[in-house]
């Protein structure tokens, strides 16, 4: 099997329960050089390498591709036929939820204002928006969405959620909450002070938040996106930001990196983070544990977990 970095290999070897190691030929392959073998049972591609990097698998016999991201849009266009692909569910949810809450707090309490003032040696107090007592709408209630909900529980918010299918779900610290169907989203938006997106990308969610849906948000509402950039029509959002009607804190964008000179860089009421939801120290041990699980299952003749394509 191959992993893309020595760090991941070291983290994998350091996990307790090393019985599998004598049965596994673990090699480093970052997709830049020629593959180390024509048959590889498990391949872990580089993190954030993009789906196009999977072209390096052409002509190889591969048992499983274990991705390092939760999202997998575009992967099917480059994945060799018949090769199963597993995403990294269980790896990034907590870290992404942390960032969602951090962006929300930073925007509500105007932390960027204080950073700018500090750089200029200025004292810049302000009476800011709270997170407490705000009406927060989570759009997307999978692993990331539920992780965000658990972290919002101590902040004393009024929480509601939207997912593909309506249901009632128990959340630690909040008890049972009603999760609304996506068809109810337009009616729910006007009452929300803060909307946090954690939906996956793809055709189904592309520009879900278009000009019409953005207009349904209340004046002064905050839009936070830690899902995928394609969910939001950037041009429509830019117009709302320029008018001063809406605020936003975004970790994901339709084009990454944001091009030099793009209007987003100077848009008012916008806090930008460079797609770092999962990029924290929490990732390293969690991806290692997931890869170890896949190894142990393969050695035991069991099917892999988290398979989202090619099953």
C-alpha atoms as a PDB file:
ATOM      1  CA  UNK A   1       0.000   0.000   0.000  1.00  0.00           C
ATOM      2  CA  UNK A   2       1.061   3.641  -0.394  1.00  0.00           C
ATOM      3  CA  UNK A   3       0.649   6.850   1.573  1.00  0.00           C
ATOM      4  CA  UNK A   4       1.712  10.274   0.256  1.00  0.00           C
ATOM      5  CA  UNK A   5       3.886  11.482   3.153  1.00  0.00           C
ATOM      6  CA  UNK A   6       6.383  10.153   5.650  1.00  0.00           C
ATOM      7  CA  UNK A   7       4.375  11.855   8.395  1.00  0.00           C
ATOM      8  CA  UNK A   8       1.280   9.773   7.641  1.00  0.00           C
ATOM      9  CA  UNK A   9       3.428   6.642   7.476  1.00  0.00           C
ATOM     10  CA  UNK A  10       4.969   7.468  10.852  1.00  0.00           C
ATOM     11  CA  UNK A  11       1.577   8.196  12.409  1.00  0.00           C
ATOM     12  CA  UNK A  12       0.275   4.914  11.041  1.00  0.00           C
ATOM     13  CA  UNK A  13       3.193   2.903  12.399  1.00  0.00           C
ATOM     14  CA  UNK A  14       2.859   4.587  15.802  1.00  0.00           C
ATOM     15  CA  UNK A  15      -0.744   3.495  16.355  1.00  0.00           C
ATOM     16  CA  UNK A  16      -1.307   0.818  18.993  1.00  0.00           C
ATOM     17  CA  UNK A  17      -1.919  -2.678  17.706  1.00  0.00           C
ATOM     18  CA  UNK A  18       0.910  -3.224  15.232  1.00  0.00           C
ATOM     19  CA  UNK A  19       0.088  -6.817  14.293  1.00  0.00           C
ATOM     20  CA  UNK A  20      -0.738  -5.820  10.728  1.00  0.00           C
ATOM     21  CA  UNK A  21       2.636  -4.201  10.037  1.00  0.00           C
ATOM     22  CA  UNK A  22       4.500  -7.420   9.284  1.00  0.00           C
ATOM     23  CA  UNK A  23       1.936  -8.224   6.589  1.00  0.00           C
ATOM     24  CA  UNK A  24       1.964  -4.819   4.863  1.00  0.00           C
ATOM     25  CA  UNK A  25       4.519  -3.353   2.467  1.00  0.00           C
ATOM     26  CA  UNK A  26       4.047   0.336   3.261  1.00  0.00           C
ATOM     27  CA  UNK A  27       5.619   2.765   0.784  1.00  0.00           C
ATOM     28  CA  UNK A  28       5.644   6.528   0.271  1.00  0.00           C
ATOM     29  CA  UNK A  29       4.172   7.700  -3.029  1.00  0.00           C
ATOM     30  CA  UNK A  30       3.160  11.328  -3.530  1.00  0.00           C
ATOM     31  CA  UNK A  31       2.027  10.832  -7.162  1.00  0.00           C
ATOM     32  CA  UNK A  32       4.915  12.933  -8.465  1.00  0.00           C
ATOM     33  CA  UNK A  33       7.167   9.990  -9.257  1.00  0.00           C
ATOM     34  CA  UNK A  34       6.423   6.717 -10.992  1.00  0.00           C
ATOM     35  CA  UNK A  35       4.237   4.338  -8.956  1.00  0.00           C
ATOM     36  CA  UNK A  36       6.214   1.894  -6.790  1.00  0.00           C
ATOM     37  CA  UNK A  37       4.323  -1.145  -8.126  1.00  0.00           C
ATOM     38  CA  UNK A  38       1.765  -2.124 -10.745  1.00  0.00           C
ATOM     39  CA  UNK A  39      -0.524  -3.599  -8.082  1.00  0.00           C
ATOM     40  CA  UNK A  40      -1.313  -1.555  -4.961  1.00  0.00           C
ATOM     41  CA  UNK A  41      -3.938  -2.797  -2.538  1.00  0.00           C
ATOM     42  CA  UNK A  42      -4.613   0.557  -0.839  1.00  0.00           C
ATOM     43  CA  UNK A  43      -3.621   3.963  -2.229  1.00  0.00           C
ATOM     44  CA  UNK A  44      -3.903   7.137  -0.156  1.00  0.00           C
ATOM     45  CA  UNK A  45      -3.628  10.155  -2.511  1.00  0.00           C
ATOM     46  CA  UNK A  46      -2.120  13.486  -1.434  1.00  0.00           C
ATOM     47  CA  UNK A  47      -4.335  15.699   0.714  1.00  0.00           C
ATOM     48  CA  UNK A  48      -5.882  18.603  -1.248  1.00  0.00           C
ATOM     49  CA  UNK A  49      -4.252  17.320  -4.435  1.00  0.00           C
ATOM     50  CA  UNK A  50      -7.524  17.613  -6.332  1.00  0.00           C
ATOM     51  CA  UNK A  51      -9.345  14.824  -8.166  1.00  0.00           C
ATOM     52  CA  UNK A  52      -7.182  15.304 -11.247  1.00  0.00           C
ATOM     53  CA  UNK A  53      -4.265  13.777  -9.355  1.00  0.00           C
ATOM     54  CA  UNK A  54      -5.994  10.397  -9.627  1.00  0.00           C
ATOM     55  CA  UNK A  55      -4.875  10.252 -13.241  1.00  0.00           C
ATOM     56  CA  UNK A  56      -1.632   8.864 -11.779  1.00  0.00           C
ATOM     57  CA  UNK A  57      -3.519   5.607 -11.122  1.00  0.00           C
ATOM     58  CA  UNK A  58      -4.080   4.970 -14.818  1.00  0.00           C
ATOM     59  CA  UNK A  59      -2.881   1.517 -15.822  1.00  0.00           C
ATOM     60  CA  UNK A  60      -2.475   0.295 -12.243  1.00  0.00           C
ATOM     61  CA  UNK A  61      -4.328  -2.459 -10.435  1.00  0.00           C
ATOM     62  CA  UNK A  62      -5.707  -0.810  -7.280  1.00  0.00           C
ATOM     63  CA  UNK A  63      -7.794  -2.416  -4.537  1.00  0.00           C
ATOM     64  CA  UNK A  64      -8.981   0.766  -2.809  1.00  0.00           C
ATOM     65  CA  UNK A  65      -8.379   4.496  -3.033  1.00  0.00           C
ATOM     66  CA  UNK A  66      -8.689   6.040   0.430  1.00  0.00           C
ATOM     67  CA  UNK A  67      -9.231   9.778   0.086  1.00  0.00           C
ATOM     68  CA  UNK A  68      -8.238  12.259   2.769  1.00  0.00           C
ATOM     69  CA  UNK A  69     -11.250  14.587   2.368  1.00  0.00           C
ATOM     70  CA  UNK A  70     -14.925  14.157   3.134  1.00  0.00           C
ATOM     71  CA  UNK A  71     -16.014  15.648  -0.195  1.00  0.00           C
ATOM     72  CA  UNK A  72     -15.513  13.687  -3.393  1.00  0.00           C
ATOM     73  CA  UNK A  73     -17.094  15.754  -6.150  1.00  0.00           C
ATOM     74  CA  UNK A  74     -15.177  15.363  -9.405  1.00  0.00           C
ATOM     75  CA  UNK A  75     -13.488  12.152  -8.273  1.00  0.00           C
ATOM     76  CA  UNK A  76     -15.647   9.932 -10.480  1.00  0.00           C
ATOM     77  CA  UNK A  77     -14.361  11.798 -13.557  1.00  0.00           C
ATOM     78  CA  UNK A  78     -10.783  10.674 -12.849  1.00  0.00           C
ATOM     79  CA  UNK A  79     -11.142   7.426 -10.904  1.00  0.00           C
ATOM     80  CA  UNK A  80     -10.210   4.338 -12.953  1.00  0.00           C
ATOM     81  CA  UNK A  81     -13.227   2.172 -13.738  1.00  0.00           C
ATOM     82  CA  UNK A  82     -14.046  -0.436 -11.129  1.00  0.00           C
ATOM     83  CA  UNK A  83     -11.801   0.990  -8.403  1.00  0.00           C
ATOM     84  CA  UNK A  84     -13.623   1.664  -5.100  1.00  0.00           C
ATOM     85  CA  UNK A  85     -13.093   5.087  -3.508  1.00  0.00           C
ATOM     86  CA  UNK A  86     -13.580   5.763   0.207  1.00  0.00           C
ATOM     87  CA  UNK A  87     -13.912   9.252   1.612  1.00  0.00           C
ATOM     88  CA  UNK A  88     -12.530  10.464   4.949  1.00  0.00           C
ATOM     89  CA  UNK A  89     -15.731  10.576   6.967  1.00  0.00           C
ATOM     90  CA  UNK A  90     -14.800  10.615  10.691  1.00  0.00           C
ATOM     91  CA  UNK A  91     -11.563  12.571  10.038  1.00  0.00           C
ATOM     92  CA  UNK A  92     -12.536  16.218   9.484  1.00  0.00           C
ATOM     93  CA  UNK A  93     -15.919  16.713  11.116  1.00  0.00           C
ATOM     94  CA  UNK A  94     -14.684  18.028  14.463  1.00  0.00           C
ATOM     95  CA  UNK A  95     -12.036  20.317  12.990  1.00  0.00           C
ATOM     96  CA  UNK A  96     -14.432  21.755  10.411  1.00  0.00           C
ATOM     97  CA  UNK A  97     -17.049  22.310  13.101  1.00  0.00           C
ATOM     98  CA  UNK A  98     -14.462  24.169  15.190  1.00  0.00           C
ATOM     99  CA  UNK A  99     -13.739  26.477  12.275  1.00  0.00           C
ATOM    100  CA  UNK A 100     -17.437  27.065  11.615  1.00  0.00           C
ATOM    101  CA  UNK A 101     -17.928  28.206  15.201  1.00  0.00           C
ATOM    102  CA  UNK A 102     -14.694  30.237  15.119  1.00  0.00           C
ATOM    103  CA  UNK A 103     -15.736  32.064  11.931  1.00  0.00           C
ATOM    104  CA  UNK A 104     -19.163  32.717  13.369  1.00  0.00           C
ATOM    105  CA  UNK A 105     -17.760  34.162  16.588  1.00  0.00           C
ATOM    106  CA  UNK A 106     -15.110  36.180  14.761  1.00  0.00           C
ATOM    107  CA  UNK A 107     -17.715  37.742  12.481  1.00  0.00           C
ATOM    108  CA  UNK A 108     -20.263  38.366  15.224  1.00  0.00           C
ATOM    109  CA  UNK A 109     -17.754  39.922  17.640  1.00  0.00           C
ATOM    110  CA  UNK A 110     -15.880  41.771  14.835  1.00  0.00           C
ATOM    111  CA  UNK A 111     -12.478  40.261  15.625  1.00  0.00           C
ATOM    112  CA  UNK A 112     -10.993  41.323  12.241  1.00  0.00           C
ATOM    113  CA  UNK A 113     -11.656  44.933  13.270  1.00  0.00           C
ATOM    114  CA  UNK A 114      -9.539  44.446  16.391  1.00  0.00           C
ATOM    115  CA  UNK A 115      -6.710  42.795  14.424  1.00  0.00           C
ATOM    116  CA  UNK A 116      -6.583  45.712  12.004  1.00  0.00           C
ATOM    117  CA  UNK A 117      -6.637  48.195  14.885  1.00  0.00           C
ATOM    118  CA  UNK A 118      -3.844  46.334  16.692  1.00  0.00           C
ATOM    119  CA  UNK A 119      -1.652  46.446  13.575  1.00  0.00           C
ATOM    120  CA  UNK A 120      -2.071  50.230  13.567  1.00  0.00           C
ATOM    121  CA  UNK A 121      -1.665  50.611  17.322  1.00  0.00           C
ATOM    122  CA  UNK A 122      -5.294  51.663  17.687  1.00  0.00           C
ATOM    123  CA  UNK A 123      -7.858  51.116  20.428  1.00  0.00           C
ATOM    124  CA  UNK A 124     -11.143  50.260  18.685  1.00  0.00           C
ATOM    125  CA  UNK A 125     -13.957  49.145  21.003  1.00  0.00           C
ATOM    126  CA  UNK A 126     -17.313  48.267  19.466  1.00  0.00           C
ATOM    127  CA  UNK A 127     -20.729  47.082  20.655  1.00  0.00           C
ATOM    128  CA  UNK A 128     -20.955  43.872  18.627  1.00  0.00           C
ATOM    129  CA  UNK A 129     -23.438  41.128  17.817  1.00  0.00           C
ATOM    130  CA  UNK A 130     -23.562  38.160  20.187  1.00  0.00           C
ATOM    131  CA  UNK A 131     -23.823  34.490  19.361  1.00  0.00           C
ATOM    132  CA  UNK A 132     -25.981  33.930  22.417  1.00  0.00           C
ATOM    133  CA  UNK A 133     -29.723  34.216  21.770  1.00  0.00           C
ATOM    134  CA  UNK A 134     -29.245  34.286  17.979  1.00  0.00           C
ATOM    135  CA  UNK A 135     -31.401  32.150  15.686  1.00  0.00           C
ATOM    136  CA  UNK A 136     -28.960  29.804  13.927  1.00  0.00           C
ATOM    137  CA  UNK A 137     -29.976  27.721  10.921  1.00  0.00           C
ATOM    138  CA  UNK A 138     -27.714  24.817   9.970  1.00  0.00           C
ATOM    139  CA  UNK A 139     -28.068  23.887   6.306  1.00  0.00           C
ATOM    140  CA  UNK A 140     -26.678  20.380   6.042  1.00  0.00           C
ATOM    141  CA  UNK A 141     -26.962  17.968   8.948  1.00  0.00           C
ATOM    142  CA  UNK A 142     -24.546  15.165   8.214  1.00  0.00           C
ATOM    143  CA  UNK A 143     -21.356  14.551  10.157  1.00  0.00           C
ATOM    144  CA  UNK A 144     -20.150  18.152   9.989  1.00  0.00           C
ATOM    145  CA  UNK A 145     -23.566  19.676  10.630  1.00  0.00           C
ATOM    146  CA  UNK A 146     -24.208  17.586  13.736  1.00  0.00           C
ATOM    147  CA  UNK A 147     -20.680  18.331  14.995  1.00  0.00           C
ATOM    148  CA  UNK A 148     -21.409  22.055  14.607  1.00  0.00           C
ATOM    149  CA  UNK A 149     -24.701  21.640  16.471  1.00  0.00           C
ATOM    150  CA  UNK A 150     -22.972  19.938  19.410  1.00  0.00           C
ATOM    151  CA  UNK A 151     -20.456  22.782  19.650  1.00  0.00           C
ATOM    152  CA  UNK A 152     -23.160  25.436  19.494  1.00  0.00           C
ATOM    153  CA  UNK A 153     -25.125  23.907  22.368  1.00  0.00           C
ATOM    154  CA  UNK A 154     -23.267  25.795  25.154  1.00  0.00           C
ATOM    155  CA  UNK A 155     -23.696  29.144  23.370  1.00  0.00           C
ATOM    156  CA  UNK A 156     -27.409  29.335  24.172  1.00  0.00           C
ATOM    157  CA  UNK A 157     -28.561  29.749  20.581  1.00  0.00           C
ATOM    158  CA  UNK A 158     -31.955  29.014  19.092  1.00  0.00           C
ATOM    159  CA  UNK A 159     -30.998  26.223  16.691  1.00  0.00           C
ATOM    160  CA  UNK A 160     -32.791  24.735  13.703  1.00  0.00           C
ATOM    161  CA  UNK A 161     -31.520  22.563  10.879  1.00  0.00           C
ATOM    162  CA  UNK A 162     -32.206  21.603   7.284  1.00  0.00           C
ATOM    163  CA  UNK A 163     -31.209  18.391   5.522  1.00  0.00           C
ATOM    164  CA  UNK A 164     -32.216  16.430   2.454  1.00  0.00           C
ATOM    165  CA  UNK A 165     -34.866  14.558   4.437  1.00  0.00           C
ATOM    166  CA  UNK A 166     -36.906  15.783   7.395  1.00  0.00           C
ATOM    167  CA  UNK A 167     -36.478  13.929  10.672  1.00  0.00           C
ATOM    168  CA  UNK A 168     -36.199  14.333  14.425  1.00  0.00           C
ATOM    169  CA  UNK A 169     -32.703  13.797  15.777  1.00  0.00           C
ATOM    170  CA  UNK A 170     -31.063  13.799  19.210  1.00  0.00           C
ATOM    171  CA  UNK A 171     -28.051  16.098  19.589  1.00  0.00           C
ATOM    172  CA  UNK A 172     -25.767  16.061  22.628  1.00  0.00           C
ATOM    173  CA  UNK A 173     -26.491  19.095  24.775  1.00  0.00           C
ATOM    174  CA  UNK A 174     -29.588  20.062  22.799  1.00  0.00           C
ATOM    175  CA  UNK A 175     -31.848  17.043  23.069  1.00  0.00           C
ATOM    176  CA  UNK A 176     -34.202  16.179  20.223  1.00  0.00           C
ATOM    177  CA  UNK A 177     -34.406  18.762  17.446  1.00  0.00           C
ATOM    178  CA  UNK A 178     -36.546  18.908  14.330  1.00  0.00           C
ATOM    179  CA  UNK A 179     -34.518  18.659  11.137  1.00  0.00           C
ATOM    180  CA  UNK A 180     -36.487  20.215   8.293  1.00  0.00           C
ATOM    181  CA  UNK A 181     -36.479  19.017   4.700  1.00  0.00           C
ATOM    182  CA  UNK A 182     -34.583  21.019   2.098  1.00  0.00           C
ATOM    183  CA  UNK A 183     -37.906  22.041   0.532  1.00  0.00           C
ATOM    184  CA  UNK A 184     -38.612  24.119   3.660  1.00  0.00           C
ATOM    185  CA  UNK A 185     -35.405  26.151   3.341  1.00  0.00           C
ATOM    186  CA  UNK A 186     -36.888  29.237   1.605  1.00  0.00           C
ATOM    187  CA  UNK A 187     -39.490  29.630   4.335  1.00  0.00           C
ATOM    188  CA  UNK A 188     -36.939  29.234   7.162  1.00  0.00           C
ATOM    189  CA  UNK A 189     -34.314  31.702   5.940  1.00  0.00           C
ATOM    190  CA  UNK A 190     -36.077  35.000   6.801  1.00  0.00           C
ATOM    191  CA  UNK A 191     -36.135  34.115  10.517  1.00  0.00           C
ATOM    192  CA  UNK A 192     -32.437  33.190  10.775  1.00  0.00           C
ATOM    193  CA  UNK A 193     -29.807  35.545  12.182  1.00  0.00           C
ATOM    194  CA  UNK A 194     -26.978  33.175  11.211  1.00  0.00           C
ATOM    195  CA  UNK A 195     -26.968  30.525   8.467  1.00  0.00           C
ATOM    196  CA  UNK A 196     -24.159  27.945   8.471  1.00  0.00           C
ATOM    197  CA  UNK A 197     -23.667  25.795   5.363  1.00  0.00           C
ATOM    198  CA  UNK A 198     -22.023  22.362   5.515  1.00  0.00           C
ATOM    199  CA  UNK A 199     -23.567  20.762   2.430  1.00  0.00           C
ATOM    200  CA  UNK A 200     -21.513  18.696  -0.029  1.00  0.00           C
ATOM    201  CA  UNK A 201     -20.801  19.971  -3.524  1.00  0.00           C
ATOM    202  CA  UNK A 202     -22.109  18.596  -6.820  1.00  0.00           C
ATOM    203  CA  UNK A 203     -24.879  19.344  -9.268  1.00  0.00           C
ATOM    204  CA  UNK A 204     -27.601  18.923  -6.644  1.00  0.00           C
ATOM    205  CA  UNK A 205     -26.337  21.801  -4.486  1.00  0.00           C
ATOM    206  CA  UNK A 206     -24.643  24.012  -7.088  1.00  0.00           C
ATOM    207  CA  UNK A 207     -25.752  27.639  -6.572  1.00  0.00           C
ATOM    208  CA  UNK A 208     -28.437  26.530  -4.148  1.00  0.00           C
ATOM    209  CA  UNK A 209     -27.902  29.925  -2.551  1.00  0.00           C
ATOM    210  CA  UNK A 210     -28.562  31.998  -5.634  1.00  0.00           C
ATOM    211  CA  UNK A 211     -29.757  35.609  -5.795  1.00  0.00           C
ATOM    212  CA  UNK A 212     -33.342  34.641  -5.046  1.00  0.00           C
ATOM    213  CA  UNK A 213     -32.508  32.585  -1.965  1.00  0.00           C
ATOM    214  CA  UNK A 214     -30.018  35.148  -0.671  1.00  0.00           C
ATOM    215  CA  UNK A 215     -32.722  37.812  -0.890  1.00  0.00           C
ATOM    216  CA  UNK A 216     -34.769  35.780   1.578  1.00  0.00           C
ATOM    217  CA  UNK A 217     -32.137  36.274   4.283  1.00  0.00           C
ATOM    218  CA  UNK A 218     -32.937  38.987   6.808  1.00  0.00           C
ATOM    219  CA  UNK A 219     -31.065  42.279   6.675  1.00  0.00           C
ATOM    220  CA  UNK A 220     -27.809  41.952   8.594  1.00  0.00           C
ATOM    221  CA  UNK A 221     -27.842  38.144   8.579  1.00  0.00           C
ATOM    222  CA  UNK A 222     -24.525  36.278   8.623  1.00  0.00           C
ATOM    223  CA  UNK A 223     -23.829  33.518   6.081  1.00  0.00           C
ATOM    224  CA  UNK A 224     -21.063  31.045   7.039  1.00  0.00           C
ATOM    225  CA  UNK A 225     -19.914  28.429   4.516  1.00  0.00           C
ATOM    226  CA  UNK A 226     -17.662  25.505   5.466  1.00  0.00           C
ATOM    227  CA  UNK A 227     -19.217  23.116   2.926  1.00  0.00           C
ATOM    228  CA  UNK A 228     -18.304  23.737  -0.693  1.00  0.00           C
ATOM    229  CA  UNK A 229     -17.854  26.990  -2.562  1.00  0.00           C
ATOM    230  CA  UNK A 230     -20.167  25.923  -5.356  1.00  0.00           C
ATOM    231  CA  UNK A 231     -23.164  26.053  -2.985  1.00  0.00           C
ATOM    232  CA  UNK A 232     -23.213  29.861  -3.157  1.00  0.00           C
ATOM    233  CA  UNK A 233     -23.522  32.021  -6.266  1.00  0.00           C
ATOM    234  CA  UNK A 234     -20.467  34.202  -5.670  1.00  0.00           C
ATOM    235  CA  UNK A 235     -21.665  37.048  -7.898  1.00  0.00           C
ATOM    236  CA  UNK A 236     -25.019  37.227  -6.150  1.00  0.00           C
ATOM    237  CA  UNK A 237     -23.401  37.126  -2.720  1.00  0.00           C
ATOM    238  CA  UNK A 238     -20.919  39.809  -3.737  1.00  0.00           C
ATOM    239  CA  UNK A 239     -23.791  42.122  -4.625  1.00  0.00           C
ATOM    240  CA  UNK A 240     -25.406  41.579  -1.227  1.00  0.00           C
ATOM    241  CA  UNK A 241     -22.107  42.249   0.562  1.00  0.00           C
ATOM    242  CA  UNK A 242     -21.416  45.407  -1.431  1.00  0.00           C
ATOM    243  CA  UNK A 243     -24.863  46.737  -0.577  1.00  0.00           C
ATOM    244  CA  UNK A 244     -24.151  46.142   3.104  1.00  0.00           C
ATOM    245  CA  UNK A 245     -27.307  44.087   3.526  1.00  0.00           C
ATOM    246  CA  UNK A 246     -25.604  40.766   4.361  1.00  0.00           C
ATOM    247  CA  UNK A 247     -22.437  39.598   6.086  1.00  0.00           C
ATOM    248  CA  UNK A 248     -20.441  36.454   5.325  1.00  0.00           C
ATOM    249  CA  UNK A 249     -17.601  34.310   6.659  1.00  0.00           C
ATOM    250  CA  UNK A 250     -16.380  31.834   4.032  1.00  0.00           C
ATOM    251  CA  UNK A 251     -13.846  29.014   4.107  1.00  0.00           C
ATOM    252  CA  UNK A 252     -14.683  27.642   0.649  1.00  0.00           C
ATOM    253  CA  UNK A 253     -15.002  29.337  -2.745  1.00  0.00           C
ATOM    254  CA  UNK A 254     -16.022  28.570  -6.305  1.00  0.00           C
ATOM    255  CA  UNK A 255     -12.444  29.197  -7.447  1.00  0.00           C
ATOM    256  CA  UNK A 256      -9.558  28.380  -5.130  1.00  0.00           C
ATOM    257  CA  UNK A 257      -7.288  30.155  -4.510  1.00  0.00           C
ATOM    258  CA  UNK A 258      -9.337  33.298  -5.044  1.00  0.00           C
ATOM    259  CA  UNK A 259      -7.753  35.018  -8.075  1.00  0.00           C
ATOM    260  CA  UNK A 260      -5.718  38.164  -7.589  1.00  0.00           C
ATOM    261  CA  UNK A 261      -7.919  41.205  -8.078  1.00  0.00           C
ATOM    262  CA  UNK A 262     -11.143  39.302  -7.488  1.00  0.00           C
ATOM    263  CA  UNK A 263     -13.828  41.579  -5.949  1.00  0.00           C
ATOM    264  CA  UNK A 264     -14.137  39.189  -2.998  1.00  0.00           C
ATOM    265  CA  UNK A 265     -10.799  40.365  -1.639  1.00  0.00           C
ATOM    266  CA  UNK A 266     -12.179  43.842  -1.024  1.00  0.00           C
ATOM    267  CA  UNK A 267     -15.817  42.973  -0.364  1.00  0.00           C
ATOM    268  CA  UNK A 268     -17.158  44.622   2.802  1.00  0.00           C
ATOM    269  CA  UNK A 269     -18.557  42.509   5.625  1.00  0.00           C
ATOM    270  CA  UNK A 270     -16.638  39.422   4.460  1.00  0.00           C
ATOM    271  CA  UNK A 271     -14.253  37.265   6.501  1.00  0.00           C
ATOM    272  CA  UNK A 272     -12.120  34.891   4.386  1.00  0.00           C
ATOM    273  CA  UNK A 273     -10.289  31.757   5.469  1.00  0.00           C
ATOM    274  CA  UNK A 274      -8.405  29.733   2.803  1.00  0.00           C
ATOM    275  CA  UNK A 275     -10.224  26.355   2.847  1.00  0.00           C
ATOM    276  CA  UNK A 276      -8.710  25.138   6.102  1.00  0.00           C
ATOM    277  CA  UNK A 277     -11.708  23.485   7.754  1.00  0.00           C
ATOM    278  CA  UNK A 278      -9.996  20.126   8.112  1.00  0.00           C
ATOM    279  CA  UNK A 279      -6.420  21.419   8.209  1.00  0.00           C
ATOM    280  CA  UNK A 280      -5.610  21.083  11.895  1.00  0.00           C
ATOM    281  CA  UNK A 281      -3.632  18.758  14.120  1.00  0.00           C
ATOM    282  CA  UNK A 282      -6.810  16.755  14.672  1.00  0.00           C
ATOM    283  CA  UNK A 283      -6.452  15.401  11.138  1.00  0.00           C
ATOM    284  CA  UNK A 284      -3.160  13.530  11.552  1.00  0.00           C
ATOM    285  CA  UNK A 285      -4.152  10.852  14.088  1.00  0.00           C
ATOM    286  CA  UNK A 286      -7.659  10.529  12.670  1.00  0.00           C
ATOM    287  CA  UNK A 287      -6.625   9.804   9.085  1.00  0.00           C
ATOM    288  CA  UNK A 288      -4.052   7.343  10.406  1.00  0.00           C
ATOM    289  CA  UNK A 289      -6.737   5.526  12.401  1.00  0.00           C
ATOM    290  CA  UNK A 290      -9.015   5.378   9.355  1.00  0.00           C
ATOM    291  CA  UNK A 291      -6.241   3.981   7.140  1.00  0.00           C
ATOM    292  CA  UNK A 292      -5.394   1.408   9.827  1.00  0.00           C
ATOM    293  CA  UNK A 293      -9.039   0.329   9.901  1.00  0.00           C
ATOM    294  CA  UNK A 294      -9.013  -0.156   6.129  1.00  0.00           C
ATOM    295  CA  UNK A 295      -5.807  -2.204   6.330  1.00  0.00           C
ATOM    296  CA  UNK A 296      -7.169  -4.447   9.071  1.00  0.00           C
ATOM    297  CA  UNK A 297     -10.436  -4.979   7.206  1.00  0.00           C
ATOM    298  CA  UNK A 298      -8.630  -5.859   3.991  1.00  0.00           C
ATOM    299  CA  UNK A 299      -6.368  -8.329   5.803  1.00  0.00           C
ATOM    300  CA  UNK A 300      -9.438  -9.917   7.421  1.00  0.00           C
ATOM    301  CA  UNK A 301     -11.212 -10.220   4.079  1.00  0.00           C
ATOM    302  CA  UNK A 302     -13.848  -7.676   5.105  1.00  0.00           C
ATOM    303  CA  UNK A 303     -15.169  -4.859   2.875  1.00  0.00           C
ATOM    304  CA  UNK A 304     -13.774  -1.363   3.451  1.00  0.00           C
ATOM    305  CA  UNK A 305     -15.790   1.343   5.174  1.00  0.00           C
ATOM    306  CA  UNK A 306     -16.708   4.794   3.815  1.00  0.00           C
ATOM    307  CA  UNK A 307     -16.891   3.597   0.200  1.00  0.00           C
ATOM    308  CA  UNK A 308     -18.760   6.256  -1.781  1.00  0.00           C
ATOM    309  CA  UNK A 309     -17.804   5.379  -5.372  1.00  0.00           C
ATOM    310  CA  UNK A 310     -17.172   2.182  -7.289  1.00  0.00           C
ATOM    311  CA  UNK A 311     -18.859  -0.070  -4.741  1.00  0.00           C
END
